[in-house]
Amino acid sequence: MLTPCPHCQQPLTYSEQRFDCPHCQRHFTALACCPDCQQPLQVLKACGAIDYFCTHGHGLISSRRVHYRPEDVIE
């Protein structure tokens, strides 16, 4: 499923932890969300590894299961 732009509703492209809208030329940071409850995940970084933890009861989440959604506009 393609993620729509929050401003113009056109499909966004995703690369390198950000979303880009080719239509309105806006760029968004990507927010990591739990695939089970859709709440933001806590990002844990240690020794070069990145792990994701759901504070809403789903525990550690594999990076392959993380869902990303557009968040803040990047200037």
N, C-alpha and C. Protein backbone atom coordinates (compact mmCIF):
# COMPACT_ATOMS: atom_id res chain seq x y z
N MET A 1 0.84 -1.18 0.00
CA MET A 1 0.00 0.00 0.00
C MET A 1 0.89 1.25 0.00
N LEU A 2 0.60 2.19 -0.85
CA LEU A 2 1.38 3.41 -0.95
C LEU A 2 0.89 4.41 0.10
N THR A 3 1.85 5.09 0.70
CA THR A 3 1.52 6.10 1.71
C THR A 3 1.22 7.42 1.01
N PRO A 4 0.06 8.04 1.31
CA PRO A 4 -0.27 9.32 0.67
C PRO A 4 0.41 10.50 1.37
N CYS A 5 0.68 11.53 0.62
CA CYS A 5 1.23 12.78 1.17
C CYS A 5 0.17 13.42 2.06
N PRO A 6 0.54 13.86 3.27
CA PRO A 6 -0.43 14.51 4.15
C PRO A 6 -0.97 15.83 3.60
N HIS A 7 -0.26 16.44 2.63
CA HIS A 7 -0.69 17.73 2.09
C HIS A 7 -1.47 17.62 0.79
N CYS A 8 -0.99 16.81 -0.15
CA CYS A 8 -1.65 16.76 -1.47
C CYS A 8 -2.27 15.40 -1.78
N GLN A 9 -2.08 14.41 -0.90
CA GLN A 9 -2.65 13.06 -1.04
C GLN A 9 -2.08 12.23 -2.19
N GLN A 10 -1.02 12.70 -2.83
CA GLN A 10 -0.35 11.92 -3.88
C GLN A 10 0.58 10.90 -3.22
N PRO A 11 0.92 9.80 -3.91
CA PRO A 11 1.79 8.78 -3.31
C PRO A 11 3.19 9.33 -3.00
N LEU A 12 3.69 8.94 -1.83
CA LEU A 12 5.04 9.32 -1.41
C LEU A 12 6.03 8.24 -1.81
N THR A 13 7.28 8.64 -1.99
CA THR A 13 8.36 7.68 -2.18
C THR A 13 9.13 7.63 -0.87
N TYR A 14 9.76 6.48 -0.58
CA TYR A 14 10.48 6.29 0.67
C TYR A 14 11.92 5.90 0.38
N SER A 15 12.85 6.59 1.03
CA SER A 15 14.26 6.22 0.91
C SER A 15 15.04 6.85 2.06
N GLU A 16 16.00 6.10 2.57
CA GLU A 16 16.92 6.58 3.58
C GLU A 16 16.23 7.27 4.76
N GLN A 17 15.25 6.60 5.36
CA GLN A 17 14.56 7.09 6.55
C GLN A 17 13.78 8.39 6.34
N ARG A 18 13.31 8.63 5.10
CA ARG A 18 12.47 9.80 4.88
C ARG A 18 11.51 9.53 3.72
N PHE A 19 10.43 10.30 3.70
CA PHE A 19 9.45 10.24 2.62
C PHE A 19 9.59 11.51 1.78
N ASP A 20 9.41 11.37 0.47
CA ASP A 20 9.45 12.52 -0.43
C ASP A 20 8.19 12.51 -1.28
N CYS A 21 7.64 13.72 -1.52
CA CYS A 21 6.48 13.84 -2.39
C CYS A 21 6.93 14.46 -3.72
N PRO A 22 6.91 13.67 -4.80
CA PRO A 22 7.33 14.22 -6.09
C PRO A 22 6.36 15.27 -6.61
N HIS A 23 5.12 15.25 -6.13
CA HIS A 23 4.10 16.19 -6.63
C HIS A 23 4.24 17.58 -6.02
N CYS A 24 4.26 17.69 -4.69
CA CYS A 24 4.33 19.01 -4.04
C CYS A 24 5.73 19.36 -3.53
N GLN A 25 6.70 18.45 -3.76
CA GLN A 25 8.11 18.68 -3.42
C GLN A 25 8.36 18.83 -1.93
N ARG A 26 7.52 18.24 -1.08
CA ARG A 26 7.75 18.26 0.37
C ARG A 26 8.50 17.00 0.77
N HIS A 27 9.21 17.09 1.88
CA HIS A 27 9.98 15.96 2.41
C HIS A 27 9.59 15.77 3.87
N PHE A 28 9.48 14.52 4.31
CA PHE A 28 9.03 14.20 5.65
C PHE A 28 9.97 13.21 6.32
N THR A 29 10.17 13.38 7.63
CA THR A 29 10.92 12.38 8.38
C THR A 29 10.03 11.15 8.53
N ALA A 30 10.65 9.99 8.67
CA ALA A 30 9.90 8.74 8.83
C ALA A 30 9.83 8.38 10.31
N LEU A 31 8.63 8.14 10.81
CA LEU A 31 8.41 7.75 12.19
C LEU A 31 8.19 6.25 12.24
N ALA A 32 9.01 5.54 13.02
CA ALA A 32 8.88 4.08 13.17
C ALA A 32 7.69 3.77 14.06
N CYS A 33 6.78 2.91 13.57
CA CYS A 33 5.57 2.56 14.31
C CYS A 33 5.43 1.05 14.45
N CYS A 34 4.77 0.63 15.52
CA CYS A 34 4.51 -0.78 15.78
C CYS A 34 3.51 -1.32 14.76
N PRO A 35 3.77 -2.47 14.16
CA PRO A 35 2.84 -3.03 13.19
C PRO A 35 1.56 -3.57 13.83
N ASP A 36 1.58 -3.78 15.15
CA ASP A 36 0.41 -4.32 15.84
C ASP A 36 -0.54 -3.24 16.35
N CYS A 37 0.01 -2.17 16.94
CA CYS A 37 -0.85 -1.13 17.53
C CYS A 37 -0.73 0.23 16.85
N GLN A 38 0.17 0.37 15.89
CA GLN A 38 0.39 1.59 15.12
C GLN A 38 0.88 2.77 15.96
N GLN A 39 1.37 2.51 17.18
CA GLN A 39 1.92 3.56 18.04
C GLN A 39 3.42 3.72 17.74
N PRO A 40 3.98 4.92 17.98
CA PRO A 40 5.42 5.13 17.75
C PRO A 40 6.25 4.18 18.60
N LEU A 41 7.35 3.73 18.02
CA LEU A 41 8.27 2.82 18.71
C LEU A 41 9.42 3.59 19.33
N GLN A 42 9.95 3.03 20.41
CA GLN A 42 11.17 3.56 21.01
C GLN A 42 12.33 2.95 20.22
N VAL A 43 13.24 3.79 19.76
CA VAL A 43 14.39 3.33 18.98
C VAL A 43 15.57 3.17 19.93
N LEU A 44 16.13 1.96 19.95
CA LEU A 44 17.26 1.66 20.83
C LEU A 44 18.50 1.47 19.97
N LYS A 45 19.54 2.28 20.22
CA LYS A 45 20.78 2.19 19.45
C LYS A 45 21.93 1.84 20.38
N ALA A 46 22.65 0.77 20.04
CA ALA A 46 23.80 0.36 20.85
C ALA A 46 24.75 -0.46 20.00
N CYS A 47 26.01 -0.16 20.09
CA CYS A 47 27.06 -0.92 19.39
C CYS A 47 26.79 -1.05 17.89
N GLY A 48 26.24 -0.04 17.28
CA GLY A 48 25.99 -0.07 15.85
C GLY A 48 24.69 -0.75 15.45
N ALA A 49 24.00 -1.35 16.41
CA ALA A 49 22.72 -2.02 16.11
C ALA A 49 21.56 -1.10 16.46
N ILE A 50 20.47 -1.24 15.71
CA ILE A 50 19.26 -0.48 15.98
C ILE A 50 18.14 -1.48 16.25
N ASP A 51 17.50 -1.33 17.42
CA ASP A 51 16.37 -2.18 17.78
C ASP A 51 15.16 -1.29 18.03
N TYR A 52 13.99 -1.88 17.95
CA TYR A 52 12.74 -1.15 18.14
C TYR A 52 11.95 -1.81 19.25
N PHE A 53 11.40 -0.98 20.16
CA PHE A 53 10.66 -1.49 21.30
C PHE A 53 9.31 -0.79 21.40
N CYS A 54 8.25 -1.58 21.52
CA CYS A 54 6.90 -1.04 21.68
C CYS A 54 6.62 -0.91 23.17
N THR A 55 6.37 0.31 23.62
CA THR A 55 6.07 0.56 25.03
C THR A 55 4.60 0.31 25.36
N HIS A 56 3.84 -0.17 24.39
CA HIS A 56 2.41 -0.44 24.59
C HIS A 56 2.12 -1.93 24.71
N GLY A 57 3.14 -2.72 25.10
CA GLY A 57 2.92 -4.12 25.42
C GLY A 57 3.32 -5.14 24.37
N HIS A 58 3.88 -4.71 23.24
CA HIS A 58 4.25 -5.66 22.20
C HIS A 58 5.73 -6.01 22.21
N GLY A 59 6.51 -5.41 23.11
CA GLY A 59 7.91 -5.77 23.29
C GLY A 59 8.81 -5.38 22.13
N LEU A 60 9.89 -6.15 21.96
CA LEU A 60 10.83 -5.90 20.86
C LEU A 60 10.17 -6.21 19.52
N ILE A 61 10.40 -5.35 18.56
CA ILE A 61 9.83 -5.49 17.22
C ILE A 61 10.98 -5.63 16.23
N SER A 62 10.92 -6.65 15.40
CA SER A 62 11.93 -6.86 14.37
C SER A 62 11.92 -5.68 13.39
N SER A 63 13.10 -5.28 12.94
CA SER A 63 13.18 -4.18 11.98
C SER A 63 12.45 -4.49 10.68
N ARG A 64 12.28 -5.77 10.37
CA ARG A 64 11.53 -6.15 9.16
C ARG A 64 10.03 -5.92 9.31
N ARG A 65 9.55 -5.83 10.55
CA ARG A 65 8.12 -5.65 10.79
C ARG A 65 7.72 -4.20 11.04
N VAL A 66 8.70 -3.32 11.24
CA VAL A 66 8.41 -1.92 11.55
C VAL A 66 7.69 -1.26 10.38
N HIS A 67 6.66 -0.48 10.71
CA HIS A 67 5.95 0.33 9.71
C HIS A 67 6.42 1.77 9.88
N TYR A 68 6.57 2.46 8.79
CA TYR A 68 6.98 3.86 8.84
C TYR A 68 5.86 4.74 8.32
N ARG A 69 5.69 5.89 8.96
CA ARG A 69 4.70 6.87 8.48
C ARG A 69 5.36 8.24 8.45
N PRO A 70 4.89 9.11 7.55
CA PRO A 70 5.49 10.45 7.47
C PRO A 70 5.17 11.25 8.72
N GLU A 71 6.14 12.00 9.20
CA GLU A 71 5.94 12.78 10.41
C GLU A 71 6.17 14.26 10.13
N ASP A 72 7.29 14.79 10.51
CA ASP A 72 7.57 16.22 10.39
C ASP A 72 8.09 16.59 9.00
N VAL A 73 7.75 17.78 8.56
CA VAL A 73 8.25 18.29 7.28
C VAL A 73 9.71 18.68 7.46
N ILE A 74 10.56 18.24 6.52
CA ILE A 74 11.98 18.62 6.51
C ILE A 74 12.11 19.84 5.61
N GLU A 75 12.72 20.86 6.11
CA GLU A 75 12.90 22.11 5.32
C GLU A 75 13.96 21.92 4.27
